[in-house]
Amino acid sequence: MSLPTFAVVGHPNKGKSSIVATLAEDDRVAISPTPGTTRHAHRYTLVVDGEPRYILVDTPGFQRPGELLAWLRKRAPSASDRAQAVAEFVLEQANNERFHDEIELLRPLLDGAGILYVVDGSKPYGPEYELEMEVLRWTGRPRMALINKIGEGNYENAWREALGQYFSIVRVFDALHADFDKRISLLRAFAELDEAWRVPLEQAVAALQADRARRRERSAREIAAELVECLTCTEEGNVSVEGDTTRLKSRLGEKLRERIRRREQEMMTRVQAIYRHDSLPREDSAIRIQDSDVFTRENWEVFGLSRQQLVVTGALSGAAAGGGIDLALGGASMLLGASLGAVIGGASAWLGGQELAKVKTLTGSLGGKVVRIGPVSAPNFPWVLIGRAWVHHSLIAERNHAHREALAMNVADDQNLMNSVPDSLRRELARSFKQLQAGSTGDEVFEALYIRVLELLALLPAGSQSRTPV
């Protein structure tokens, strides 16, 4: 085989398809708790940058390993004859429905695939598994055992002792919850099975890591672009002849909020596509964030800054801006600029806490009056936007393709999520937000914001370690 190829084999319903879906990053892999869902061997190729890197073969589970082993033992007088006996079995029993599943899982091994034998570490070890392991040993193919954990039990030690008798490498791998780093670690272990696979798998790891970095960069640009638009957008409407602006202001305010909601939805959808998660269960936490209204009080309490941190951050960013005055005066101001900036910054963060958006009445081009609402001026608004984007990205980026159920993230238990951001990063973000809300939208402002968003996405949000399947 020109590409490293691995047949994922084992007893029915032990998570074989989940491992294939995770390592191939493919939502097409059929996954079901019902034994026997996989009836035929299917090949899934991981492609990065348009180039195939390795192949996973999803196979049916063993059904009659005892009968198969008995057949083989009658035809192989010595160890040197065993691989040939396996080939003869596949050839002679190809049309025997009784051994359909065994034929399907053995064929890719005869074609040169390595063996990934999967067991459920939450269930007790039993001697019946030795029949399967012995059959696999007869193939002579490089092999590794993976202890997957499907349930609550823990029989890992017993499995390790037994598997070590038949496999040179034994690893624990939770197919449903394995993050990117765990997947990379497993791929590196694959390279130990066969020297011929070392270089292509190292190249696959490097390609995946580079692709991961590009996905994060693309996501950061999507989020930065959304922030720029949401923090600078306005809505306008002509005042009626009667001059009553109350209803007009209300209509424009709702129009502005809906525009922001729609833009946030677009960003989240694009981020999901970047990570190949175009279709997620409707109860998924990422979807719940996407479906919830950014303007609710709950969202502002969970995702934004606390009132105290708004003042502190406003003071810090104000001090940074005031420092420019001191620098320009060569220190002659005796740091008065920084002190004044801190006071103004902190006060505006506190006093503006209840205002949502600016409203202005202007003179139109034809002499009539025009009401303009926006941009949103509430100090916590940009923090809520970026907090929601941060959590959504984390859920999407760490979600593997075997997970077909919802992920739960205990964000609600961590009020004011953005308080956990390092002070230096929070100060730089606050500076970018102020520039945008003041009307600065040039390339330099965008690039500075993008760099800070990228830095944020490299961090784990508070509560992200508590993800559990629902």
Protein backbone atom coordinates (compact mmCIF):
# COMPACT_ATOMS: atom_id res chain seq x y z
CA MET A 1 0.00 0.00 0.00
CA SER A 2 1.30 3.46 -0.90
CA LEU A 3 -0.26 5.08 2.17
CA PRO A 4 -0.07 3.92 5.79
CA THR A 5 -3.28 1.92 6.21
CA PHE A 6 -4.80 0.62 9.44
CA ALA A 7 -7.67 -1.82 9.79
CA VAL A 8 -9.64 -1.18 12.97
CA VAL A 9 -10.78 -4.58 14.18
CA GLY A 10 -12.20 -6.26 17.27
CA HIS A 11 -15.36 -7.50 18.96
CA PRO A 12 -18.67 -5.93 17.88
CA ASN A 13 -19.76 -2.69 19.57
CA LYS A 14 -16.41 -1.74 21.14
CA GLY A 15 -16.06 1.67 19.51
CA LYS A 16 -14.22 0.72 16.32
CA SER A 17 -16.24 3.09 14.13
CA SER A 18 -15.80 5.91 16.65
CA ILE A 19 -12.03 5.55 16.42
CA VAL A 20 -12.20 5.60 12.62
CA ALA A 21 -14.39 8.72 12.62
CA THR A 22 -12.08 10.50 15.07
CA LEU A 23 -8.82 9.72 13.28
CA ALA A 24 -10.22 10.20 9.77
CA GLU A 25 -12.12 13.39 10.77
CA ASP A 26 -15.10 12.07 8.87
CA ASP A 27 -18.76 12.48 9.85
CA ARG A 28 -19.81 9.88 7.27
CA VAL A 29 -18.66 6.98 9.44
CA ALA A 30 -21.77 5.18 10.71
CA ILE A 31 -21.79 5.05 14.52
CA SER A 32 -24.46 3.25 16.52
CA PRO A 33 -24.77 1.50 19.92
CA THR A 34 -26.45 -1.39 18.09
CA PRO A 35 -24.02 -4.29 17.48
CA GLY A 36 -23.51 -5.24 13.86
CA THR A 37 -24.04 -1.76 12.41
CA THR A 38 -20.87 -2.18 10.34
CA ARG A 39 -21.40 -5.07 7.92
CA HIS A 40 -18.75 -4.30 5.30
CA ALA A 41 -15.23 -2.94 5.42
CA HIS A 42 -15.12 0.76 4.48
CA ARG A 43 -12.00 2.79 3.79
CA TYR A 44 -11.71 6.41 4.94
CA THR A 45 -8.77 8.53 3.82
CA LEU A 46 -7.58 11.52 5.83
CA VAL A 47 -6.85 14.32 3.37
CA VAL A 48 -4.94 17.45 4.40
CA ASP A 49 -4.23 20.24 1.90
CA GLY A 50 -5.64 18.08 -0.85
CA GLU A 51 -3.13 15.32 -0.18
CA PRO A 52 -4.07 11.91 1.26
CA ARG A 53 -2.09 11.13 4.43
CA TYR A 54 -3.30 7.77 5.74
CA ILE A 55 -6.23 5.36 5.50
CA LEU A 56 -8.48 3.92 8.21
CA VAL A 57 -10.53 0.80 7.43
CA ASP A 58 -13.70 0.33 9.46
CA THR A 59 -14.48 -3.39 9.73
CA PRO A 60 -17.25 -5.64 11.12
CA GLY A 61 -16.64 -7.31 14.46
CA PHE A 62 -15.51 -10.89 14.92
CA GLN A 63 -18.42 -13.35 14.98
CA ARG A 64 -16.84 -16.83 14.94
CA PRO A 65 -13.18 -16.48 15.90
CA GLY A 66 -13.14 -19.95 17.49
CA GLU A 67 -14.28 -21.71 14.33
CA LEU A 68 -11.88 -19.60 12.25
CA LEU A 69 -8.93 -20.44 14.50
CA ALA A 70 -9.76 -24.15 14.42
CA TRP A 71 -9.84 -24.04 10.60
CA LEU A 72 -6.44 -22.30 10.52
CA ARG A 73 -4.78 -24.72 12.94
CA LYS A 74 -5.68 -27.69 10.76
CA ARG A 75 -3.88 -26.14 7.78
CA ALA A 76 -0.73 -24.63 9.30
CA PRO A 77 1.73 -27.22 10.65
CA SER A 78 4.29 -24.52 11.56
CA ALA A 79 4.42 -20.80 12.35
CA SER A 80 5.86 -20.06 8.93
CA ASP A 81 2.66 -21.34 7.34
CA ARG A 82 0.23 -19.24 9.37
CA ALA A 83 -0.05 -16.14 7.17
CA GLN A 84 -0.58 -18.34 4.14
CA ALA A 85 -3.30 -20.25 5.97
CA VAL A 86 -5.13 -16.97 6.65
CA ALA A 87 -4.94 -16.12 2.93
CA GLU A 88 -6.31 -19.55 2.02
CA PHE A 89 -9.20 -19.13 4.46
CA VAL A 90 -10.22 -15.83 2.87
CA LEU A 91 -9.98 -17.34 -0.61
CA GLU A 92 -11.87 -20.56 0.16
CA GLN A 93 -14.56 -19.07 2.41
CA ALA A 94 -15.17 -15.90 0.39
CA ASN A 95 -18.75 -16.89 -0.43
CA ASN A 96 -19.55 -18.51 2.90
CA GLU A 97 -22.07 -16.21 4.63
CA ARG A 98 -21.24 -17.86 7.94
CA PHE A 99 -17.80 -16.20 7.90
CA HIS A 100 -18.87 -12.98 6.17
CA ASP A 101 -17.63 -10.65 8.92
CA GLU A 102 -14.33 -12.48 9.38
CA ILE A 103 -13.66 -12.30 5.63
CA GLU A 104 -14.40 -8.55 5.59
CA LEU A 105 -11.99 -7.77 8.43
CA LEU A 106 -9.19 -10.06 7.20
CA ARG A 107 -9.08 -8.84 3.59
CA PRO A 108 -7.50 -5.43 4.32
CA LEU A 109 -4.87 -7.18 6.45
CA LEU A 110 -3.93 -9.40 3.53
CA ASP A 111 -3.65 -6.23 1.43
CA GLY A 112 -1.02 -4.87 3.82
CA ALA A 113 -2.94 -2.92 6.47
CA GLY A 114 -1.68 -2.69 10.03
CA ILE A 115 -3.91 -3.83 12.89
CA LEU A 116 -5.62 -1.59 15.45
CA TYR A 117 -7.38 -3.98 17.82
CA VAL A 118 -10.04 -2.23 19.91
CA VAL A 119 -11.43 -3.36 23.26
CA ASP A 120 -13.75 -1.72 25.77
CA GLY A 121 -11.81 -0.99 28.95
CA SER A 122 -15.02 -0.37 30.89
CA LYS A 123 -15.97 -4.07 30.57
CA PRO A 124 -14.15 -7.01 32.23
CA TYR A 125 -11.55 -8.95 30.30
CA GLY A 126 -12.60 -12.47 29.27
CA PRO A 127 -10.66 -15.40 27.75
CA GLU A 128 -12.97 -15.40 24.71
CA TYR A 129 -11.05 -12.40 23.41
CA GLU A 130 -7.90 -14.52 23.18
CA LEU A 131 -9.39 -16.31 20.18
CA GLU A 132 -9.58 -13.01 18.27
CA MET A 133 -6.11 -11.94 19.34
CA GLU A 134 -4.65 -15.29 18.30
CA VAL A 135 -6.24 -15.04 14.85
CA LEU A 136 -4.73 -11.57 14.43
CA ARG A 137 -1.32 -12.86 15.47
CA TRP A 138 -1.55 -15.49 12.73
CA THR A 139 -1.77 -12.75 10.08
CA GLY A 140 1.76 -11.60 10.87
CA ARG A 141 0.77 -7.96 10.40
CA PRO A 142 2.08 -5.12 12.66
CA ARG A 143 -0.46 -4.61 15.39
CA MET A 144 -1.41 -2.29 18.21
CA ALA A 145 -4.15 -2.59 20.83
CA LEU A 146 -6.36 0.34 21.83
CA ILE A 147 -8.26 0.32 25.12
CA ASN A 148 -11.37 2.39 24.47
CA LYS A 149 -13.65 3.34 27.36
CA ILE A 150 -17.33 3.32 26.54
CA GLY A 151 -18.94 2.90 29.97
CA GLU A 152 -18.21 3.74 33.61
CA GLY A 153 -16.26 0.62 34.64
CA ASN A 154 -12.48 0.51 34.76
CA TYR A 155 -10.72 -2.75 33.92
CA GLU A 156 -7.74 -1.14 32.26
CA ASN A 157 -5.08 -2.99 34.24
CA ALA A 158 -6.49 -6.43 33.46
CA TRP A 159 -6.73 -5.53 29.79
CA ARG A 160 -3.15 -4.25 29.73
CA GLU A 161 -1.86 -7.52 31.16
CA ALA A 162 -3.75 -9.61 28.61
CA LEU A 163 -3.12 -7.42 25.58
CA GLY A 164 0.58 -7.22 26.33
CA GLN A 165 0.84 -10.93 25.51
CA TYR A 166 -0.29 -10.36 21.93
CA PHE A 167 0.53 -6.74 21.01
CA SER A 168 3.81 -4.84 21.08
CA ILE A 169 2.05 -1.51 21.75
CA VAL A 170 -0.99 -0.95 23.98
CA ARG A 171 -2.58 2.49 24.35
CA VAL A 172 -5.64 3.90 26.13
CA PHE A 173 -7.67 6.04 23.74
CA ASP A 174 -11.09 7.55 24.47
CA ALA A 175 -12.51 7.83 20.97
CA LEU A 176 -15.38 10.15 21.92
CA HIS A 177 -13.45 12.69 23.98
CA ALA A 178 -9.92 12.60 22.57
CA ASP A 179 -8.72 16.12 21.85
CA PHE A 180 -6.32 17.09 19.08
CA ASP A 181 -3.16 16.47 21.10
CA LYS A 182 -4.26 12.94 22.03
CA ARG A 183 -4.97 12.16 18.39
CA ILE A 184 -1.52 13.37 17.40
CA SER A 185 0.07 11.27 20.14
CA LEU A 186 -1.71 8.18 18.84
CA LEU A 187 -0.57 8.80 15.28
CA ARG A 188 3.02 8.99 16.49
CA ALA A 189 2.55 5.61 18.15
CA PHE A 190 1.33 4.19 14.82
CA ALA A 191 4.70 5.06 13.34
CA GLU A 192 6.33 2.60 15.74
CA LEU A 193 4.49 -0.34 14.16
CA ASP A 194 6.39 -0.33 10.87
CA GLU A 195 9.55 1.54 9.88
CA ALA A 196 8.13 2.12 6.39
CA TRP A 197 5.29 4.17 7.95
CA ARG A 198 7.49 6.44 10.05
CA VAL A 199 8.22 9.15 7.49
CA PRO A 200 4.69 9.42 5.98
CA LEU A 201 3.12 9.50 9.45
CA GLU A 202 5.55 12.16 10.63
CA GLN A 203 4.59 14.15 7.56
CA ALA A 204 0.92 13.56 8.37
CA VAL A 205 1.42 14.85 11.91
CA ALA A 206 3.23 17.96 10.64
CA ALA A 207 0.48 18.57 8.07
CA LEU A 208 -2.25 18.20 10.70
CA GLN A 209 -0.52 20.58 13.08
CA ALA A 210 -0.02 23.16 10.34
CA ASP A 211 -3.64 22.74 9.29
CA ARG A 212 -4.73 23.15 12.89
CA ALA A 213 -2.85 26.43 13.13
CA ARG A 214 -4.39 27.66 9.87
CA ARG A 215 -7.88 26.78 11.09
CA ARG A 216 -7.32 28.80 14.24
CA GLU A 217 -6.00 31.72 12.19
CA ARG A 218 -8.97 31.58 9.83
CA SER A 219 -11.34 31.45 12.80
CA ALA A 220 -9.61 34.42 14.41
CA ARG A 221 -10.06 36.44 11.21
CA GLU A 222 -13.74 35.50 11.04
CA ILE A 223 -14.25 36.56 14.66
CA ALA A 224 -12.26 39.78 14.23
CA ALA A 225 -14.28 40.69 11.13
CA GLU A 226 -17.52 40.05 13.02
CA LEU A 227 -16.37 42.21 15.92
CA VAL A 228 -15.46 45.07 13.59
CA GLU A 229 -18.86 44.99 11.91
CA CYS A 230 -20.87 44.57 15.11
CA LEU A 231 -19.00 47.29 16.97
CA THR A 232 -19.32 49.87 14.20
CA CYS A 233 -22.69 49.20 12.55
CA THR A 234 -25.50 51.77 12.71
CA GLU A 235 -29.08 52.06 11.49
CA GLU A 236 -30.81 55.20 10.18
CA GLY A 237 -34.38 56.26 9.45
CA ASN A 238 -36.19 59.41 8.36
CA VAL A 239 -38.32 61.23 10.91
CA SER A 240 -42.00 61.48 9.94
CA VAL A 241 -43.68 64.82 9.36
CA GLU A 242 -45.28 64.67 12.80
CA GLY A 243 -41.79 64.51 14.26
CA ASP A 244 -42.47 61.67 16.76
CA THR A 245 -39.18 59.77 17.00
CA THR A 246 -40.06 57.36 19.82
CA ARG A 247 -41.42 54.59 17.60
CA LEU A 248 -38.69 55.17 15.01
CA LYS A 249 -35.97 54.81 17.65
CA SER A 250 -37.52 51.57 18.91
CA ARG A 251 -37.76 50.15 15.37
CA LEU A 252 -34.20 51.15 14.52
CA GLY A 253 -32.92 49.72 17.79
CA GLU A 254 -34.48 46.34 17.09
CA LYS A 255 -33.19 46.46 13.51
CA LEU A 256 -29.67 47.10 14.82
CA ARG A 257 -29.87 44.25 17.30
CA GLU A 258 -31.19 41.86 14.64
CA ARG A 259 -28.37 42.83 12.30
CA ILE A 260 -25.84 42.04 15.01
CA ARG A 261 -27.52 38.73 15.84
CA ARG A 262 -27.47 37.73 12.17
CA ARG A 263 -23.81 38.67 11.75
CA GLU A 264 -22.83 36.64 14.81
CA GLN A 265 -24.73 33.63 13.42
CA GLU A 266 -22.83 33.94 10.14
CA MET A 267 -19.49 33.99 11.96
CA MET A 268 -20.29 30.90 14.03
CA THR A 269 -21.50 28.98 11.00
CA ARG A 270 -18.26 29.79 9.17
CA VAL A 271 -16.13 28.70 12.13
CA GLN A 272 -17.99 25.39 12.26
CA ALA A 273 -17.30 24.88 8.55
CA ILE A 274 -13.59 25.59 9.09
CA TYR A 275 -13.43 22.61 11.46
CA ARG A 276 -15.62 20.41 9.21
CA HIS A 277 -18.55 20.50 11.64
CA ASP A 278 -21.22 21.81 9.32
CA SER A 279 -24.00 19.75 10.90
CA LEU A 280 -24.28 19.58 14.67
CA PRO A 281 -27.06 18.23 16.90
CA ARG A 282 -29.50 20.98 17.81
CA GLU A 283 -28.91 20.42 21.54
CA ASP A 284 -25.15 20.85 21.23
CA SER A 285 -23.63 23.53 23.47
CA ALA A 286 -22.15 25.30 20.45
CA ILE A 287 -25.61 25.46 18.90
CA ARG A 288 -27.14 26.63 22.16
CA ILE A 289 -24.69 29.53 22.20
CA GLN A 290 -25.47 30.26 18.58
CA ASP A 291 -29.24 30.07 19.14
CA SER A 292 -29.28 32.21 22.28
CA ASP A 293 -29.82 35.96 22.12
CA VAL A 294 -26.60 37.91 22.61
CA PHE A 295 -28.57 40.76 24.17
CA THR A 296 -30.06 38.86 27.10
CA ARG A 297 -28.98 39.73 30.63
CA GLU A 298 -27.88 36.13 31.22
CA ASN A 299 -25.45 36.28 28.30
CA TRP A 300 -23.97 39.53 29.55
CA GLU A 301 -23.47 38.10 33.03
CA VAL A 302 -21.95 34.82 31.82
CA PHE A 303 -19.77 35.84 28.89
CA GLY A 304 -18.77 39.44 29.58
CA LEU A 305 -16.71 41.20 32.22
CA SER A 306 -17.92 41.85 35.75
CA ARG A 307 -18.74 45.46 36.56
CA GLN A 308 -15.59 45.67 38.68
CA GLN A 309 -13.40 44.34 35.86
CA LEU A 310 -15.01 46.77 33.42
CA VAL A 311 -13.77 49.61 35.58
CA VAL A 312 -10.32 48.05 36.08
CA THR A 313 -9.89 47.29 32.39
CA GLY A 314 -11.16 50.71 31.41
CA ALA A 315 -8.64 52.23 33.81
CA LEU A 316 -5.79 50.09 32.47
CA SER A 317 -6.54 50.87 28.83
CA GLY A 318 -7.06 54.51 29.70
CA ALA A 319 -3.68 54.57 31.43
CA ALA A 320 -2.10 53.01 28.34
CA ALA A 321 -3.63 55.69 26.14
CA GLY A 322 -2.65 58.47 28.53
CA GLY A 323 0.89 57.16 28.56
CA GLY A 324 1.18 58.35 24.97
CA ILE A 325 0.77 61.92 26.21
CA ASP A 326 3.61 61.48 28.70
CA LEU A 327 5.81 60.01 25.99
CA ALA A 328 5.07 62.91 23.64
CA LEU A 329 5.97 65.43 26.36
CA GLY A 330 9.20 63.65 27.16
CA GLY A 331 8.10 62.99 30.73
CA ALA A 332 7.55 66.67 31.51
CA SER A 333 3.94 65.95 32.50
CA MET A 334 5.27 63.90 35.45
CA LEU A 335 2.88 61.06 34.53
CA LEU A 336 -0.18 63.31 34.81
CA GLY A 337 -1.40 61.93 31.45
CA ALA A 338 -1.44 58.35 32.67
CA SER A 339 -3.23 59.26 35.89
CA LEU A 340 -5.88 61.31 34.09
CA GLY A 341 -6.35 58.62 31.46
CA ALA A 342 -6.95 55.99 34.11
CA VAL A 343 -9.62 58.10 35.80
CA ILE A 344 -11.42 58.88 32.53
CA GLY A 345 -11.20 55.29 31.29
CA GLY A 346 -12.53 53.80 34.51
CA ALA A 347 -15.33 56.33 34.85
CA SER A 348 -16.58 55.83 31.31
CA ALA A 349 -16.64 52.07 31.79
CA TRP A 350 -18.71 52.47 34.93
CA LEU A 351 -21.04 55.29 33.90
CA GLY A 352 -21.72 53.85 30.46
CA GLY A 353 -22.68 50.49 31.84
CA GLN A 354 -26.43 50.95 31.32
CA GLU A 355 -26.35 52.55 27.87
CA LEU A 356 -26.80 50.20 24.90
CA ALA A 357 -26.32 52.40 21.85
CA LYS A 358 -25.93 56.05 20.96
CA VAL A 359 -28.90 57.84 19.38
CA LYS A 360 -28.42 60.96 17.24
CA THR A 361 -30.85 63.18 15.33
CA LEU A 362 -29.23 64.56 12.19
CA THR A 363 -30.19 66.80 9.32
CA GLY A 364 -30.75 64.79 6.16
CA SER A 365 -29.42 65.67 2.72
CA LEU A 366 -32.85 67.05 1.68
CA GLY A 367 -33.34 69.03 4.85
CA GLY A 368 -35.44 66.56 6.82
CA LYS A 369 -34.47 64.95 10.10
CA VAL A 370 -32.76 61.57 10.32
CA VAL A 371 -32.40 59.41 13.42
CA ARG A 372 -29.24 57.33 13.64
CA ILE A 373 -28.83 54.64 16.27
CA GLY A 374 -25.53 52.96 16.93
CA PRO A 375 -22.93 51.86 17.18
CA VAL A 376 -23.58 49.92 20.38
CA SER A 377 -21.72 51.84 23.06
CA ALA A 378 -22.33 49.67 26.14
CA PRO A 379 -18.83 48.91 27.49
CA ASN A 380 -19.57 45.24 28.12
CA PHE A 381 -20.96 44.58 24.65
CA PRO A 382 -17.65 43.75 22.90
CA TRP A 383 -16.64 41.50 25.79
CA VAL A 384 -19.89 39.55 25.52
CA LEU A 385 -19.42 39.16 21.76
CA ILE A 386 -15.85 37.94 22.01
CA GLY A 387 -16.63 35.74 25.03
CA ARG A 388 -19.36 33.92 23.13
CA ALA A 389 -17.09 33.54 20.09
CA TRP A 390 -14.28 32.20 22.30
CA VAL A 391 -16.43 29.52 23.92
CA HIS A 392 -18.05 28.55 20.63
CA HIS A 393 -14.64 28.16 18.98
CA SER A 394 -13.33 26.05 21.85
CA LEU A 395 -16.28 23.67 21.63
CA ILE A 396 -15.94 23.34 17.87
CA ALA A 397 -12.14 23.06 17.73
CA GLU A 398 -11.93 20.30 20.35
CA ARG A 399 -14.94 18.35 19.17
CA ASN A 400 -13.93 15.18 17.34
CA HIS A 401 -15.93 13.59 14.54
CA ALA A 402 -16.93 10.51 16.52
CA HIS A 403 -19.06 12.60 18.84
CA ARG A 404 -22.61 12.53 17.53
CA GLU A 405 -24.20 13.78 20.75
CA ALA A 406 -24.11 17.12 22.49
CA LEU A 407 -21.15 18.49 24.39
CA ALA A 408 -21.87 20.20 27.68
CA MET A 409 -19.68 23.01 28.90
CA ASN A 410 -20.30 24.46 32.33
CA VAL A 411 -19.96 28.06 31.26
CA ALA A 412 -22.99 29.09 33.29
CA ASP A 413 -21.10 28.11 36.44
CA ASP A 414 -18.35 30.59 35.60
CA GLN A 415 -19.96 34.00 35.73
CA ASN A 416 -18.17 36.78 33.82
CA LEU A 417 -16.06 34.49 31.68
CA MET A 418 -13.83 37.25 30.33
CA ASN A 419 -12.55 38.02 33.84
CA SER A 420 -10.26 34.99 33.39
CA VAL A 421 -8.40 36.55 30.46
CA PRO A 422 -4.85 37.68 31.38
CA ASP A 423 -4.66 41.37 32.22
CA SER A 424 -2.22 42.20 29.43
CA LEU A 425 -4.42 40.63 26.76
CA ARG A 426 -7.57 42.17 28.19
CA ARG A 427 -5.90 45.59 28.12
CA GLU A 428 -4.93 45.21 24.45
CA LEU A 429 -8.42 44.00 23.53
CA ALA A 430 -9.95 46.98 25.34
CA ARG A 431 -7.73 49.30 23.30
CA SER A 432 -8.93 47.72 20.04
CA PHE A 433 -12.56 47.91 21.15
CA LYS A 434 -12.26 51.60 21.96
CA GLN A 435 -10.71 52.33 18.59
CA LEU A 436 -13.54 50.55 16.80
CA GLN A 437 -16.27 52.19 18.85
CA ALA A 438 -14.64 55.54 18.10
CA GLY A 439 -14.94 54.85 14.38
CA SER A 440 -11.41 53.64 13.53
CA THR A 441 -11.71 50.72 11.11
CA GLY A 442 -8.46 50.75 9.14
CA ASP A 443 -6.27 47.76 8.32
CA GLU A 444 -3.92 48.52 11.20
CA VAL A 445 -6.77 48.43 13.71
CA PHE A 446 -8.12 45.18 12.23
CA GLU A 447 -4.72 43.46 12.27
CA ALA A 448 -4.13 44.44 15.89
CA LEU A 449 -7.54 43.05 16.84
CA TYR A 450 -6.94 39.86 14.82
CA ILE A 451 -3.64 39.21 16.63
CA ARG A 452 -5.34 39.58 20.02
CA VAL A 453 -8.24 37.32 19.03
CA LEU A 454 -5.75 34.70 17.81
CA GLU A 455 -3.96 34.92 21.15
CA LEU A 456 -7.28 34.45 22.95
CA LEU A 457 -8.24 31.39 20.89
CA ALA A 458 -5.01 29.69 21.97
CA LEU A 459 -6.31 29.74 25.56
CA LEU A 460 -8.92 27.45 27.10
CA PRO A 461 -12.05 29.19 28.45
CA ALA A 462 -12.86 28.67 32.10
CA GLY A 463 -15.03 25.56 32.42
CA SER A 464 -13.73 23.95 29.24
CA GLN A 465 -12.15 21.10 31.21
CA SER A 466 -15.57 20.00 32.42
CA ARG A 467 -16.96 18.95 29.04
CA THR A 468 -18.96 15.75 29.33
CA PRO A 469 -21.29 13.90 26.98
CA VAL A 470 -24.98 14.59 27.56
